[in-house]
N, C-alpha and C. Protein backbone atom coordinates (compact mmCIF):
# COMPACT_ATOMS: atom_id res chain seq x y z
N MET A 1 16.83 157.41 187.83
CA MET A 1 15.59 156.19 187.24
C MET A 1 14.80 156.72 186.09
N ASN A 2 14.68 155.70 185.43
CA ASN A 2 13.62 155.82 184.90
C ASN A 2 12.02 155.76 184.68
N GLY A 3 11.01 155.52 183.80
CA GLY A 3 9.95 155.45 184.00
C GLY A 3 9.90 153.94 184.06
N ASP A 4 10.60 152.87 183.04
CA ASP A 4 10.88 151.63 183.23
C ASP A 4 10.81 151.23 185.11
N ASP A 5 12.01 151.75 185.31
CA ASP A 5 12.13 151.61 186.75
C ASP A 5 11.13 151.41 187.71
N GLU A 6 10.48 152.33 188.01
CA GLU A 6 9.61 153.09 188.33
C GLU A 6 8.69 151.82 188.42
N ARG A 7 7.90 151.52 187.03
CA ARG A 7 7.48 150.33 187.27
C ARG A 7 7.35 148.89 187.46
N LEU A 8 8.46 148.31 187.60
CA LEU A 8 8.96 147.58 188.47
C LEU A 8 8.76 147.66 189.12
N LEU A 9 9.34 148.98 190.57
CA LEU A 9 9.29 149.18 191.85
C LEU A 9 7.26 149.07 192.34
N ARG A 10 6.62 149.45 192.09
CA ARG A 10 5.09 149.40 192.09
C ARG A 10 4.70 148.64 192.73
N GLY A 11 4.55 148.39 193.55
CA GLY A 11 3.70 147.45 193.50
C GLY A 11 4.36 146.06 194.76
N ARG A 12 5.47 145.66 194.92
CA ARG A 12 6.66 145.47 195.24
C ARG A 12 6.67 145.07 196.81
N VAL A 13 7.23 144.13 197.01
CA VAL A 13 7.28 144.92 199.17
C VAL A 13 8.78 144.96 199.52
N TYR A 14 9.25 146.42 200.18
CA TYR A 14 10.58 146.11 200.33
C TYR A 14 11.14 145.02 201.11
N GLY A 15 12.45 145.07 200.57
CA GLY A 15 13.73 144.11 201.03
C GLY A 15 13.34 142.59 199.77
N GLN A 16 11.86 143.12 199.13
CA GLN A 16 12.29 141.06 198.27
C GLN A 16 12.44 140.95 197.56
N ASP A 17 13.36 140.81 197.07
CA ASP A 17 14.05 140.00 195.72
C ASP A 17 13.16 140.60 195.29
N HIS A 18 13.91 141.40 193.88
CA HIS A 18 13.68 141.42 192.59
C HIS A 18 13.23 140.05 191.43
N ASP A 19 13.26 139.22 192.03
CA ASP A 19 13.61 138.32 191.59
C ASP A 19 12.41 137.14 191.82
N ASP A 20 12.38 137.02 192.85
CA ASP A 20 11.03 136.73 193.76
C ASP A 20 10.06 137.13 193.48
N PRO A 21 9.66 135.42 192.87
CA PRO A 21 7.66 135.30 191.50
C PRO A 21 6.60 135.76 192.64
N ARG A 22 6.42 136.02 194.18
CA ARG A 22 6.21 136.30 194.89
C ARG A 22 6.42 138.18 195.09
N GLN A 23 6.61 138.28 194.42
CA GLN A 23 6.66 140.13 195.42
C GLN A 23 5.77 140.59 195.54
N GLY A 24 4.91 140.45 195.10
CA GLY A 24 3.96 141.56 195.59
C GLY A 24 3.21 140.97 197.88
N PRO A 25 2.23 141.60 198.09
CA PRO A 25 2.41 141.50 199.62
C PRO A 25 1.50 140.62 200.09
N ARG A 26 0.77 139.73 201.53
CA ARG A 26 1.12 138.84 201.30
C ARG A 26 0.37 138.44 201.91
N PRO A 27 -1.19 137.48 202.35
CA PRO A 27 -1.99 137.61 203.59
C PRO A 27 -1.67 137.12 204.79
N GLY A 28 -2.43 138.30 205.45
CA GLY A 28 -2.06 138.34 207.04
C GLY A 28 -0.95 138.59 207.09
N GLN A 29 -0.37 140.15 206.41
CA GLN A 29 0.23 141.12 206.47
C GLN A 29 -0.08 142.27 206.72
N ASP A 30 1.05 143.66 207.17
CA ASP A 30 0.45 144.50 207.73
C ASP A 30 1.36 145.51 206.65
N TYR A 31 0.60 146.18 205.91
CA TYR A 31 1.76 146.99 205.00
C TYR A 31 1.77 148.06 204.61
N VAL A 32 3.06 149.31 204.81
CA VAL A 32 2.36 150.91 204.18
C VAL A 32 2.70 151.22 202.93
N GLU A 33 2.17 152.12 202.81
CA GLU A 33 3.10 152.12 201.19
C GLU A 33 3.53 154.07 200.72
N LEU A 34 5.11 153.45 200.66
CA LEU A 34 5.41 154.41 200.92
C LEU A 34 6.17 154.96 199.61
N VAL A 35 5.45 156.15 200.44
CA VAL A 35 5.49 157.98 199.10
C VAL A 35 7.00 158.57 198.64
N GLY A 36 6.33 159.25 197.16
CA GLY A 36 8.02 159.93 197.31
C GLY A 36 8.80 159.27 197.71
N GLY A 37 10.34 160.06 197.04
CA GLY A 37 12.05 160.16 197.07
C GLY A 37 11.53 158.45 196.19
N PRO A 38 13.37 157.65 196.16
CA PRO A 38 13.90 156.27 195.76
C PRO A 38 12.97 155.13 195.40
N LEU A 39 12.32 154.72 196.78
CA LEU A 39 11.03 153.94 196.71
C LEU A 39 10.31 154.10 196.65
N ASP A 40 9.43 155.19 196.12
CA ASP A 40 7.76 155.96 195.78
C ASP A 40 7.26 153.83 195.41
N GLY A 41 5.82 153.69 195.98
CA GLY A 41 5.21 152.58 195.44
C GLY A 41 5.11 151.19 196.21
N LEU A 42 6.70 151.33 196.33
CA LEU A 42 7.39 150.25 197.65
C LEU A 42 5.44 149.97 198.00
N LEU A 43 5.65 148.95 199.00
CA LEU A 43 4.84 148.75 200.29
C LEU A 43 6.22 148.35 200.80
N LEU A 44 5.94 148.59 202.71
CA LEU A 44 6.71 148.37 203.44
C LEU A 44 5.88 147.12 204.25
N ASP A 45 6.49 145.93 205.14
CA ASP A 45 6.01 145.25 205.79
C ASP A 45 5.92 145.79 207.12
N VAL A 46 5.15 146.30 207.40
CA VAL A 46 5.44 146.45 209.08
C VAL A 46 4.51 145.85 210.41
N THR A 47 4.14 144.50 209.75
CA THR A 47 4.00 143.03 211.09
C THR A 47 4.74 143.01 212.02
N GLY A 48 3.59 142.99 212.85
CA GLY A 48 4.59 143.49 214.44
C GLY A 48 5.15 144.75 214.77
N TRP A 49 5.01 145.26 214.33
CA TRP A 49 6.25 146.61 214.89
C TRP A 49 4.77 147.39 215.60
N THR A 50 5.66 147.88 216.70
CA THR A 50 4.86 148.78 218.19
C THR A 50 4.18 150.09 217.35
N PRO A 51 3.13 150.48 217.74
CA PRO A 51 2.89 151.45 217.56
C PRO A 51 3.66 152.93 217.60
N ASP A 52 4.65 152.40 218.86
CA ASP A 52 5.65 153.45 218.73
C ASP A 52 6.97 153.12 217.12
N GLU A 53 6.64 152.61 217.33
CA GLU A 53 8.30 151.94 215.96
C GLU A 53 6.93 152.51 214.32
N ILE A 54 5.67 152.70 214.49
CA ILE A 54 5.72 153.01 213.75
C ILE A 54 5.29 154.17 213.52
N GLY A 55 4.87 155.38 215.06
CA GLY A 55 5.15 156.80 215.44
C GLY A 55 6.26 157.22 214.75
N VAL A 56 6.75 156.75 213.84
CA VAL A 56 8.72 157.53 214.22
C VAL A 56 9.00 157.62 212.94
N GLY A 57 8.15 156.54 212.43
CA GLY A 57 8.43 156.44 210.34
C GLY A 57 10.82 155.47 210.57
N VAL A 58 10.87 155.45 209.44
CA VAL A 58 12.42 154.35 209.04
C VAL A 58 12.92 155.21 208.27
N ALA A 59 14.46 154.68 208.81
CA ALA A 59 15.34 155.28 207.61
C ALA A 59 15.56 153.35 206.16
N LEU A 60 15.67 153.80 205.72
CA LEU A 60 15.76 152.36 204.76
C LEU A 60 16.98 152.38 204.25
N PRO A 61 17.74 151.37 204.11
CA PRO A 61 19.20 151.55 203.06
C PRO A 61 18.73 150.69 201.41
N THR A 62 18.94 151.57 201.02
CA THR A 62 18.80 151.62 199.19
C THR A 62 20.15 152.47 198.68
N GLU A 63 20.37 151.32 197.33
CA GLU A 63 21.35 152.40 196.78
C GLU A 63 20.63 153.53 195.34
N LEU A 64 19.67 153.11 196.07
CA LEU A 64 18.98 154.28 194.82
C LEU A 64 18.41 156.22 194.90
N GLY A 65 19.10 156.24 196.14
CA GLY A 65 18.77 157.57 196.56
C GLY A 65 20.18 158.20 196.55
N GLN A 66 20.33 159.54 196.85
CA GLN A 66 20.88 160.67 196.70
C GLN A 66 22.14 160.48 197.02
N PHE A 67 22.96 159.36 197.53
CA PHE A 67 23.91 158.89 198.32
C PHE A 67 24.76 157.30 197.67
N GLY A 68 24.02 157.29 196.64
CA GLY A 68 24.10 156.25 197.00
C GLY A 68 24.34 155.06 196.74
N PRO A 69 24.81 153.19 197.22
CA PRO A 69 25.28 152.16 198.17
C PRO A 69 25.63 152.41 199.09
N GLY A 70 25.01 152.80 200.20
CA GLY A 70 25.49 152.81 201.59
C GLY A 70 24.62 154.19 202.29
N GLY A 71 23.40 154.71 201.56
CA GLY A 71 22.56 155.65 201.58
C GLY A 71 21.74 154.86 202.30
N ARG A 72 20.88 156.00 203.14
CA ARG A 72 18.95 155.31 203.34
C ARG A 72 18.05 156.68 202.95
N ALA A 73 16.89 156.38 202.67
CA ALA A 73 15.45 157.32 201.90
C ALA A 73 14.92 156.91 203.63
N LEU A 74 14.00 158.86 204.14
CA LEU A 74 13.54 158.55 205.06
C LEU A 74 12.57 158.54 204.65
N TYR A 75 11.26 157.97 205.72
CA TYR A 75 10.05 158.09 205.06
C TYR A 75 9.20 158.23 206.60
N ASP A 76 7.99 158.62 206.44
CA ASP A 76 7.68 159.41 207.97
C ASP A 76 6.02 159.23 208.01
N PRO A 77 5.37 158.73 208.74
CA PRO A 77 3.89 158.35 208.44
C PRO A 77 3.31 159.62 207.98
N ARG A 78 2.05 159.39 207.22
CA ARG A 78 1.07 161.02 206.91
C ARG A 78 0.20 160.94 207.95
N PRO A 79 0.44 162.30 208.38
CA PRO A 79 -0.79 162.85 209.60
C PRO A 79 -2.35 162.25 208.42
N GLY A 80 -2.61 161.99 209.47
CA GLY A 80 -4.07 161.45 209.36
C GLY A 80 -4.74 160.11 207.51
N ALA A 81 -3.36 159.35 207.77
CA ALA A 81 -3.55 158.99 206.61
C ALA A 81 -2.18 157.75 206.21
N PRO A 82 -2.45 157.01 208.10
CA PRO A 82 -0.79 156.59 208.55
C PRO A 82 -0.80 155.09 207.67
N ALA A 83 -1.93 154.75 206.26
CA ALA A 83 -0.83 153.57 205.48
C ALA A 83 0.26 154.07 204.53
N ARG A 84 0.06 154.96 204.22
CA ARG A 84 0.95 156.22 203.72
C ARG A 84 2.31 157.39 204.51
N TRP A 85 3.83 156.22 204.01
CA TRP A 85 4.90 156.80 204.85
C TRP A 85 5.00 158.04 203.33
N ASP A 86 5.60 159.68 203.84
CA ASP A 86 6.43 159.84 203.16
C ASP A 86 7.84 160.42 203.19
N TRP A 87 8.05 160.54 201.85
CA TRP A 87 9.65 160.44 201.60
C TRP A 87 10.37 161.39 202.04
N SER A 88 11.36 162.07 202.78
CA SER A 88 11.92 163.57 204.35
C SER A 88 12.76 163.70 203.82
N GLY A 89 13.58 162.33 202.54
CA GLY A 89 14.80 163.27 202.03
C GLY A 89 15.67 162.23 202.32
N ASP A 90 17.13 161.89 201.60
CA ASP A 90 17.79 160.90 201.49
C ASP A 90 18.94 161.64 203.13
N SER A 91 19.86 159.76 203.74
CA SER A 91 20.40 159.79 204.08
C SER A 91 22.37 159.44 203.70
N PRO A 92 23.64 159.88 204.11
CA PRO A 92 24.53 158.94 204.58
C PRO A 92 23.88 157.62 204.51
């Protein structure tokens, strides 16, 4: 990914279409920031997630990771900073 691609991702919400004119966060929703890895800078909507779901992190489908289409990027809550989730690797 080049610098232009990275700038396009920043401030967007994971899963929103890149052509959606409302790509940013929406009022009344809860978000965490994805830090590092292929989804760095994206926001993940965790509205309605239980504390248990939030505590274990996620494996998010992405074509941008090491395994390309069908791969997943792994993110875990950062200890002491629950609004930031750190990349821990990619998975097929």
